[in-house]
N, C-alpha and C. Protein backbone atom coordinates (compact mmCIF):
# COMPACT_ATOMS: atom_id res chain seq x y z
N MET A 1 -27.18 144.86 3.23
CA MET A 1 -28.41 144.80 4.01
C MET A 1 -29.52 145.42 3.17
N ILE A 2 -30.66 144.76 3.16
CA ILE A 2 -31.81 145.27 2.44
C ILE A 2 -32.83 145.82 3.44
N ARG A 3 -33.82 146.52 2.93
CA ARG A 3 -34.79 147.20 3.78
C ARG A 3 -35.45 146.26 4.79
N SER A 4 -35.86 145.07 4.33
CA SER A 4 -36.54 144.14 5.24
C SER A 4 -35.61 143.66 6.35
N GLU A 5 -34.32 143.50 6.04
CA GLU A 5 -33.35 143.11 7.08
C GLU A 5 -33.17 144.24 8.09
N LEU A 6 -33.15 145.46 7.63
CA LEU A 6 -33.03 146.61 8.52
C LEU A 6 -34.24 146.68 9.45
N ILE A 7 -35.43 146.51 8.90
CA ILE A 7 -36.65 146.54 9.70
C ILE A 7 -36.62 145.44 10.74
N GLN A 8 -36.22 144.24 10.34
CA GLN A 8 -36.17 143.10 11.27
C GLN A 8 -35.16 143.35 12.38
N LYS A 9 -34.00 143.90 12.05
CA LYS A 9 -32.96 144.16 13.06
C LYS A 9 -33.44 145.19 14.08
N ILE A 10 -34.07 146.25 13.61
CA ILE A 10 -34.58 147.28 14.52
C ILE A 10 -35.69 146.69 15.40
N ALA A 11 -36.57 145.90 14.81
CA ALA A 11 -37.65 145.28 15.57
C ALA A 11 -37.10 144.32 16.63
N ASP A 12 -36.06 143.56 16.28
CA ASP A 12 -35.45 142.62 17.24
C ASP A 12 -34.80 143.37 18.40
N GLU A 13 -34.19 144.50 18.13
CA GLU A 13 -33.50 145.27 19.17
C GLU A 13 -34.47 146.11 20.01
N ASN A 14 -35.70 146.25 19.55
CA ASN A 14 -36.72 147.03 20.26
C ASN A 14 -38.00 146.21 20.39
N PRO A 15 -38.00 145.23 21.29
CA PRO A 15 -39.17 144.34 21.39
C PRO A 15 -40.45 145.04 21.85
N HIS A 16 -40.33 146.25 22.40
CA HIS A 16 -41.52 146.98 22.82
C HIS A 16 -42.26 147.62 21.64
N LEU A 17 -41.66 147.60 20.45
CA LEU A 17 -42.30 148.16 19.26
C LEU A 17 -42.85 147.04 18.38
N TYR A 18 -44.00 147.28 17.80
CA TYR A 18 -44.56 146.33 16.83
C TYR A 18 -43.78 146.43 15.53
N GLN A 19 -43.66 145.32 14.83
CA GLN A 19 -42.90 145.32 13.58
C GLN A 19 -43.55 146.24 12.55
N ARG A 20 -44.87 146.32 12.54
CA ARG A 20 -45.54 147.20 11.57
C ARG A 20 -45.21 148.67 11.85
N ASP A 21 -45.00 149.01 13.14
CA ASP A 21 -44.62 150.39 13.48
C ASP A 21 -43.19 150.68 13.05
N VAL A 22 -42.31 149.70 13.25
CA VAL A 22 -40.91 149.87 12.82
C VAL A 22 -40.86 150.03 11.31
N GLU A 23 -41.65 149.23 10.60
CA GLU A 23 -41.68 149.32 9.14
C GLU A 23 -42.18 150.70 8.70
N ARG A 24 -43.18 151.22 9.37
CA ARG A 24 -43.71 152.55 9.04
C ARG A 24 -42.65 153.62 9.30
N ILE A 25 -41.90 153.49 10.39
CA ILE A 25 -40.84 154.46 10.71
C ILE A 25 -39.75 154.44 9.64
N VAL A 26 -39.27 153.25 9.30
CA VAL A 26 -38.20 153.12 8.30
C VAL A 26 -38.68 153.67 6.96
N ASN A 27 -39.89 153.33 6.55
CA ASN A 27 -40.41 153.83 5.27
C ASN A 27 -40.56 155.34 5.29
N THR A 28 -40.96 155.91 6.42
CA THR A 28 -41.10 157.36 6.53
C THR A 28 -39.74 158.04 6.39
N VAL A 29 -38.72 157.49 7.03
CA VAL A 29 -37.37 158.07 6.93
C VAL A 29 -36.91 158.06 5.47
N PHE A 30 -37.07 156.92 4.79
CA PHE A 30 -36.65 156.84 3.38
C PHE A 30 -37.46 157.79 2.50
N GLU A 31 -38.76 157.90 2.76
CA GLU A 31 -39.59 158.81 1.97
C GLU A 31 -39.17 160.27 2.18
N GLU A 32 -38.83 160.62 3.42
CA GLU A 32 -38.39 162.00 3.69
C GLU A 32 -37.07 162.30 3.01
N VAL A 33 -36.13 161.36 3.05
CA VAL A 33 -34.83 161.55 2.38
C VAL A 33 -35.06 161.70 0.88
N THR A 34 -35.87 160.82 0.31
CA THR A 34 -36.16 160.87 -1.13
C THR A 34 -36.85 162.18 -1.50
N GLY A 35 -37.82 162.58 -0.69
CA GLY A 35 -38.53 163.84 -0.97
C GLY A 35 -37.62 165.05 -0.91
N ALA A 36 -36.76 165.07 0.09
CA ALA A 36 -35.82 166.21 0.22
C ALA A 36 -34.88 166.26 -0.97
N MET A 37 -34.38 165.10 -1.38
CA MET A 37 -33.45 165.09 -2.51
C MET A 37 -34.16 165.46 -3.81
N SER A 38 -35.41 165.05 -3.97
CA SER A 38 -36.14 165.40 -5.19
C SER A 38 -36.40 166.90 -5.27
N ARG A 39 -36.43 167.57 -4.12
CA ARG A 39 -36.56 169.04 -4.09
C ARG A 39 -35.21 169.72 -4.27
N GLY A 40 -34.13 168.93 -4.31
CA GLY A 40 -32.79 169.50 -4.48
C GLY A 40 -32.10 169.80 -3.17
N ASP A 41 -32.71 169.40 -2.05
CA ASP A 41 -32.11 169.65 -0.74
C ASP A 41 -31.02 168.63 -0.44
N ARG A 42 -30.18 168.97 0.50
CA ARG A 42 -29.11 168.10 0.97
C ARG A 42 -29.57 167.45 2.26
N VAL A 43 -29.30 166.15 2.42
CA VAL A 43 -29.69 165.43 3.63
C VAL A 43 -28.42 164.96 4.32
N GLU A 44 -28.21 165.43 5.54
CA GLU A 44 -26.99 165.09 6.27
C GLU A 44 -27.34 164.27 7.51
N LEU A 45 -26.72 163.12 7.65
CA LEU A 45 -26.86 162.28 8.84
C LEU A 45 -25.50 162.27 9.52
N ARG A 46 -25.37 163.03 10.60
CA ARG A 46 -24.08 163.21 11.28
C ARG A 46 -23.43 161.87 11.61
N GLY A 47 -22.16 161.75 11.29
CA GLY A 47 -21.41 160.54 11.55
C GLY A 47 -21.57 159.48 10.47
N PHE A 48 -22.60 159.60 9.65
CA PHE A 48 -22.84 158.62 8.59
C PHE A 48 -22.45 159.18 7.24
N GLY A 49 -23.05 160.31 6.87
CA GLY A 49 -22.73 160.91 5.59
C GLY A 49 -23.79 161.88 5.14
N ALA A 50 -23.61 162.37 3.93
CA ALA A 50 -24.54 163.35 3.38
C ALA A 50 -24.96 162.94 1.98
N PHE A 51 -26.27 163.04 1.73
CA PHE A 51 -26.83 162.77 0.42
C PHE A 51 -27.11 164.11 -0.24
N SER A 52 -26.76 164.23 -1.50
CA SER A 52 -27.04 165.45 -2.24
C SER A 52 -27.34 165.08 -3.68
N VAL A 53 -27.71 166.10 -4.45
CA VAL A 53 -28.02 165.90 -5.86
C VAL A 53 -27.04 166.72 -6.67
N LYS A 54 -26.42 166.09 -7.66
CA LYS A 54 -25.50 166.80 -8.54
C LYS A 54 -26.09 166.85 -9.94
N LYS A 55 -25.83 167.95 -10.62
CA LYS A 55 -26.33 168.13 -11.98
C LYS A 55 -25.21 167.75 -12.95
N ARG A 56 -25.56 166.91 -13.90
CA ARG A 56 -24.61 166.56 -14.96
C ARG A 56 -25.08 167.28 -16.22
N ASP A 57 -24.18 168.04 -16.81
CA ASP A 57 -24.51 168.80 -18.02
C ASP A 57 -24.72 167.87 -19.20
N SER A 58 -25.40 168.39 -20.21
CA SER A 58 -25.58 167.62 -21.44
C SER A 58 -24.21 167.49 -22.12
N ARG A 59 -24.06 166.42 -22.87
CA ARG A 59 -22.77 166.16 -23.51
C ARG A 59 -22.98 165.27 -24.72
N VAL A 60 -21.92 165.11 -25.49
CA VAL A 60 -21.95 164.19 -26.61
C VAL A 60 -21.30 162.90 -26.14
N GLY A 61 -22.06 161.81 -26.21
CA GLY A 61 -21.54 160.50 -25.80
C GLY A 61 -21.33 159.62 -27.01
N ARG A 62 -20.98 158.37 -26.75
CA ARG A 62 -20.72 157.43 -27.82
C ARG A 62 -21.41 156.12 -27.50
N ASN A 63 -22.13 155.57 -28.47
CA ASN A 63 -22.75 154.26 -28.32
C ASN A 63 -21.62 153.22 -28.41
N PRO A 64 -21.37 152.47 -27.33
CA PRO A 64 -20.24 151.53 -27.34
C PRO A 64 -20.41 150.39 -28.34
N ARG A 65 -21.63 150.06 -28.69
CA ARG A 65 -21.87 148.94 -29.61
C ARG A 65 -21.58 149.33 -31.06
N THR A 66 -22.03 150.54 -31.44
CA THR A 66 -21.90 150.95 -32.84
C THR A 66 -20.82 152.01 -33.06
N GLY A 67 -20.39 152.66 -31.99
CA GLY A 67 -19.41 153.73 -32.13
C GLY A 67 -20.03 155.05 -32.55
N GLU A 68 -21.34 155.07 -32.76
CA GLU A 68 -22.05 156.26 -33.18
C GLU A 68 -22.12 157.28 -32.04
N THR A 69 -21.98 158.57 -32.37
CA THR A 69 -22.09 159.60 -31.34
C THR A 69 -23.57 159.88 -31.08
N VAL A 70 -23.88 160.10 -29.81
CA VAL A 70 -25.26 160.40 -29.41
C VAL A 70 -25.25 161.57 -28.45
N GLN A 71 -26.35 162.33 -28.45
CA GLN A 71 -26.49 163.44 -27.53
C GLN A 71 -27.07 162.92 -26.22
N VAL A 72 -26.40 163.21 -25.10
CA VAL A 72 -26.87 162.81 -23.77
C VAL A 72 -27.39 164.07 -23.09
N ASP A 73 -28.66 164.04 -22.69
CA ASP A 73 -29.30 165.20 -22.06
C ASP A 73 -28.73 165.44 -20.67
N GLU A 74 -28.93 166.67 -20.18
CA GLU A 74 -28.52 166.96 -18.80
C GLU A 74 -29.41 166.18 -17.85
N LYS A 75 -28.85 165.81 -16.70
CA LYS A 75 -29.63 165.05 -15.72
C LYS A 75 -29.11 165.32 -14.32
N HIS A 76 -29.93 164.95 -13.36
CA HIS A 76 -29.57 165.09 -11.95
C HIS A 76 -29.35 163.69 -11.39
N VAL A 77 -28.26 163.51 -10.65
CA VAL A 77 -27.92 162.19 -10.11
C VAL A 77 -27.69 162.31 -8.60
N PRO A 78 -28.05 161.25 -7.85
CA PRO A 78 -27.80 161.27 -6.41
C PRO A 78 -26.31 161.11 -6.13
N PHE A 79 -25.85 161.72 -5.05
CA PHE A 79 -24.45 161.66 -4.65
C PHE A 79 -24.38 161.45 -3.15
N PHE A 80 -23.49 160.58 -2.70
CA PHE A 80 -23.33 160.31 -1.28
C PHE A 80 -21.88 160.54 -0.90
N LYS A 81 -21.68 161.32 0.16
CA LYS A 81 -20.34 161.55 0.69
C LYS A 81 -20.32 161.02 2.11
N THR A 82 -19.41 160.10 2.40
CA THR A 82 -19.35 159.50 3.73
C THR A 82 -18.90 160.52 4.76
N GLY A 83 -19.40 160.32 5.98
CA GLY A 83 -18.99 161.15 7.10
C GLY A 83 -17.67 160.65 7.67
N LYS A 84 -17.02 161.47 8.47
CA LYS A 84 -15.72 161.12 9.02
C LYS A 84 -15.79 159.88 9.90
N LEU A 85 -16.81 159.76 10.73
CA LEU A 85 -16.94 158.61 11.62
C LEU A 85 -17.06 157.31 10.82
N LEU A 86 -17.90 157.29 9.80
CA LEU A 86 -18.05 156.10 8.97
C LEU A 86 -16.76 155.77 8.24
N ARG A 87 -16.11 156.78 7.70
CA ARG A 87 -14.85 156.58 6.98
C ARG A 87 -13.79 155.99 7.91
N ASP A 88 -13.71 156.52 9.14
CA ASP A 88 -12.74 156.00 10.11
C ASP A 88 -13.03 154.56 10.49
N ARG A 89 -14.32 154.22 10.69
CA ARG A 89 -14.68 152.85 11.04
C ARG A 89 -14.37 151.87 9.91
N LEU A 90 -14.57 152.31 8.68
CA LEU A 90 -14.26 151.45 7.53
C LEU A 90 -12.76 151.20 7.41
N ASN A 91 -11.96 152.16 7.85
CA ASN A 91 -10.52 152.05 7.75
C ASN A 91 -9.89 151.53 9.04
N GLY A 92 -10.69 151.04 9.96
CA GLY A 92 -10.18 150.42 11.18
C GLY A 92 -9.59 151.37 12.20
N LYS A 93 -9.98 152.61 12.20
CA LYS A 93 -9.43 153.57 13.17
C LYS A 93 -10.34 153.71 14.35
């Protein structure tokens, strides 16, 4: 599902809301999650999962094309851990 499909589904299920308002709500939620993660905060949606940021240390990597070793800088990457309810639904429980 992509963002526009999510907006359309919410708008269809809530005919009393204008589509532009639903779009603003969805964009605000995504902006808040992104902003919190960029500050290093953890975002937890009960029953769905938790978004967090993990730090990867610098390391020596290898260029797969040439085999040459390269230095890979430290970086921060997004991480998602599913909640128990979502995990159970995916496994048919």
